Amino acid sequence: MSKLTRQQIERQDFVDNQIFELMQKFCPSSKQIEWDIEAIGAIRDAIRGKIVSKKIMSEVEFYP
């Protein structure tokens, strides 16, 4: 398996962080959620599926 480039890692971080921020926005302001990569991954997979199926971008473009 080849190593990811810095740009690919930055893209992964961007996507995961945006999903986490979205999760936080859905929570009541008095609640704080912890980083949960399993939940983030499930949401990421759902978003990726829609974006790829609608041919907006490829799977690798969305999340290398």
C-alpha atoms as a PDB file:
ATOM      1  CA  MET A   1       0.000   0.000   0.000  1.00  0.00           C
ATOM      2  CA  SER A   2       1.406   3.394  -0.956  1.00  0.00           C
ATOM      3  CA  LYS A   3       1.700   6.223   1.535  1.00  0.00           C
ATOM      4  CA  LEU A   4      -0.737   9.078   1.399  1.00  0.00           C
ATOM      5  CA  THR A   5       0.554  12.464   0.339  1.00  0.00           C
ATOM      6  CA  ARG A   6       0.410  15.430   2.677  1.00  0.00           C
ATOM      7  CA  GLN A   7      -2.429  16.841   0.571  1.00  0.00           C
ATOM      8  CA  GLN A   8      -4.411  13.584   0.871  1.00  0.00           C
ATOM      9  CA  ILE A   9      -3.925  13.503   4.641  1.00  0.00           C
ATOM     10  CA  GLU A  10      -5.034  17.131   4.859  1.00  0.00           C
ATOM     11  CA  ARG A  11      -8.163  16.252   2.855  1.00  0.00           C
ATOM     12  CA  GLN A  12      -8.969  13.364   5.213  1.00  0.00           C
ATOM     13  CA  ASP A  13      -8.489  15.628   8.231  1.00  0.00           C
ATOM     14  CA  PHE A  14     -10.687  18.297   6.645  1.00  0.00           C
ATOM     15  CA  VAL A  15     -13.539  15.874   5.934  1.00  0.00           C
ATOM     16  CA  ASP A  16     -13.404  14.255   9.384  1.00  0.00           C
ATOM     17  CA  ASN A  17     -13.234  17.622  11.157  1.00  0.00           C
ATOM     18  CA  GLN A  18     -16.158  19.027   9.152  1.00  0.00           C
ATOM     19  CA  ILE A  19     -18.285  16.004  10.046  1.00  0.00           C
ATOM     20  CA  PHE A  20     -17.360  16.341  13.718  1.00  0.00           C
ATOM     21  CA  GLU A  21     -18.307  20.032  13.651  1.00  0.00           C
ATOM     22  CA  LEU A  22     -21.646  19.137  12.066  1.00  0.00           C
ATOM     23  CA  MET A  23     -22.275  16.561  14.791  1.00  0.00           C
ATOM     24  CA  GLN A  24     -21.518  19.206  17.421  1.00  0.00           C
ATOM     25  CA  LYS A  25     -23.973  21.646  15.827  1.00  0.00           C
ATOM     26  CA  PHE A  26     -26.777  19.115  16.181  1.00  0.00           C
ATOM     27  CA  CYS A  27     -26.144  18.703  19.910  1.00  0.00           C
ATOM     28  CA  PRO A  28     -27.775  20.961  22.485  1.00  0.00           C
ATOM     29  CA  SER A  29     -25.473  23.817  23.430  1.00  0.00           C
ATOM     30  CA  SER A  30     -25.153  22.421  26.948  1.00  0.00           C
ATOM     31  CA  LYS A  31     -23.810  19.092  25.675  1.00  0.00           C
ATOM     32  CA  GLN A  32     -20.255  18.435  24.560  1.00  0.00           C
ATOM     33  CA  ILE A  33     -19.521  15.382  22.419  1.00  0.00           C
ATOM     34  CA  GLU A  34     -16.231  13.557  22.265  1.00  0.00           C
ATOM     35  CA  TRP A  35     -14.359  12.647  19.102  1.00  0.00           C
ATOM     36  CA  ASP A  36     -15.785   9.326  17.889  1.00  0.00           C
ATOM     37  CA  ILE A  37     -14.109   8.119  14.704  1.00  0.00           C
ATOM     38  CA  GLU A  38     -16.607   5.246  14.360  1.00  0.00           C
ATOM     39  CA  ALA A  39     -19.541   7.668  14.235  1.00  0.00           C
ATOM     40  CA  ILE A  40     -17.596  10.056  12.013  1.00  0.00           C
ATOM     41  CA  GLY A  41     -16.719   7.169   9.692  1.00  0.00           C
ATOM     42  CA  ALA A  42     -20.348   6.035   9.419  1.00  0.00           C
ATOM     43  CA  ILE A  43     -21.474   9.549   8.512  1.00  0.00           C
ATOM     44  CA  ARG A  44     -18.531   9.954   6.126  1.00  0.00           C
ATOM     45  CA  ASP A  45     -19.466   6.712   4.353  1.00  0.00           C
ATOM     46  CA  ALA A  46     -23.068   7.855   3.910  1.00  0.00           C
ATOM     47  CA  ILE A  47     -22.013  11.241   2.538  1.00  0.00           C
ATOM     48  CA  ARG A  48     -19.384   9.678   0.278  1.00  0.00           C
ATOM     49  CA  GLY A  49     -21.967   7.235  -1.089  1.00  0.00           C
ATOM     50  CA  LYS A  50     -24.312  10.040  -2.122  1.00  0.00           C
ATOM     51  CA  ILE A  51     -21.583  12.242  -3.576  1.00  0.00           C
ATOM     52  CA  VAL A  52     -20.063   9.388  -5.582  1.00  0.00           C
ATOM     53  CA  SER A  53     -23.411   8.008  -6.798  1.00  0.00           C
ATOM     54  CA  LYS A  54     -24.396  11.464  -8.050  1.00  0.00           C
ATOM     55  CA  LYS A  55     -21.000  11.693  -9.798  1.00  0.00           C
ATOM     56  CA  ILE A  56     -20.118  14.946  -8.024  1.00  0.00           C
ATOM     57  CA  MET A  57     -16.640  13.614  -7.291  1.00  0.00           C
ATOM     58  CA  SER A  58     -14.869  10.282  -7.167  1.00  0.00           C
ATOM     59  CA  GLU A  59     -14.434   8.300  -3.978  1.00  0.00           C
ATOM     60  CA  VAL A  60     -10.723   9.160  -3.896  1.00  0.00           C
ATOM     61  CA  GLU A  61     -11.389  12.845  -4.490  1.00  0.00           C
ATOM     62  CA  PHE A  62     -13.826  12.913  -1.577  1.00  0.00           C
ATOM     63  CA  TYR A  63     -11.723  10.894   0.861  1.00  0.00           C
ATOM     64  CA  PRO A  64      -8.371   9.579  -0.363  1.00  0.00           C
END
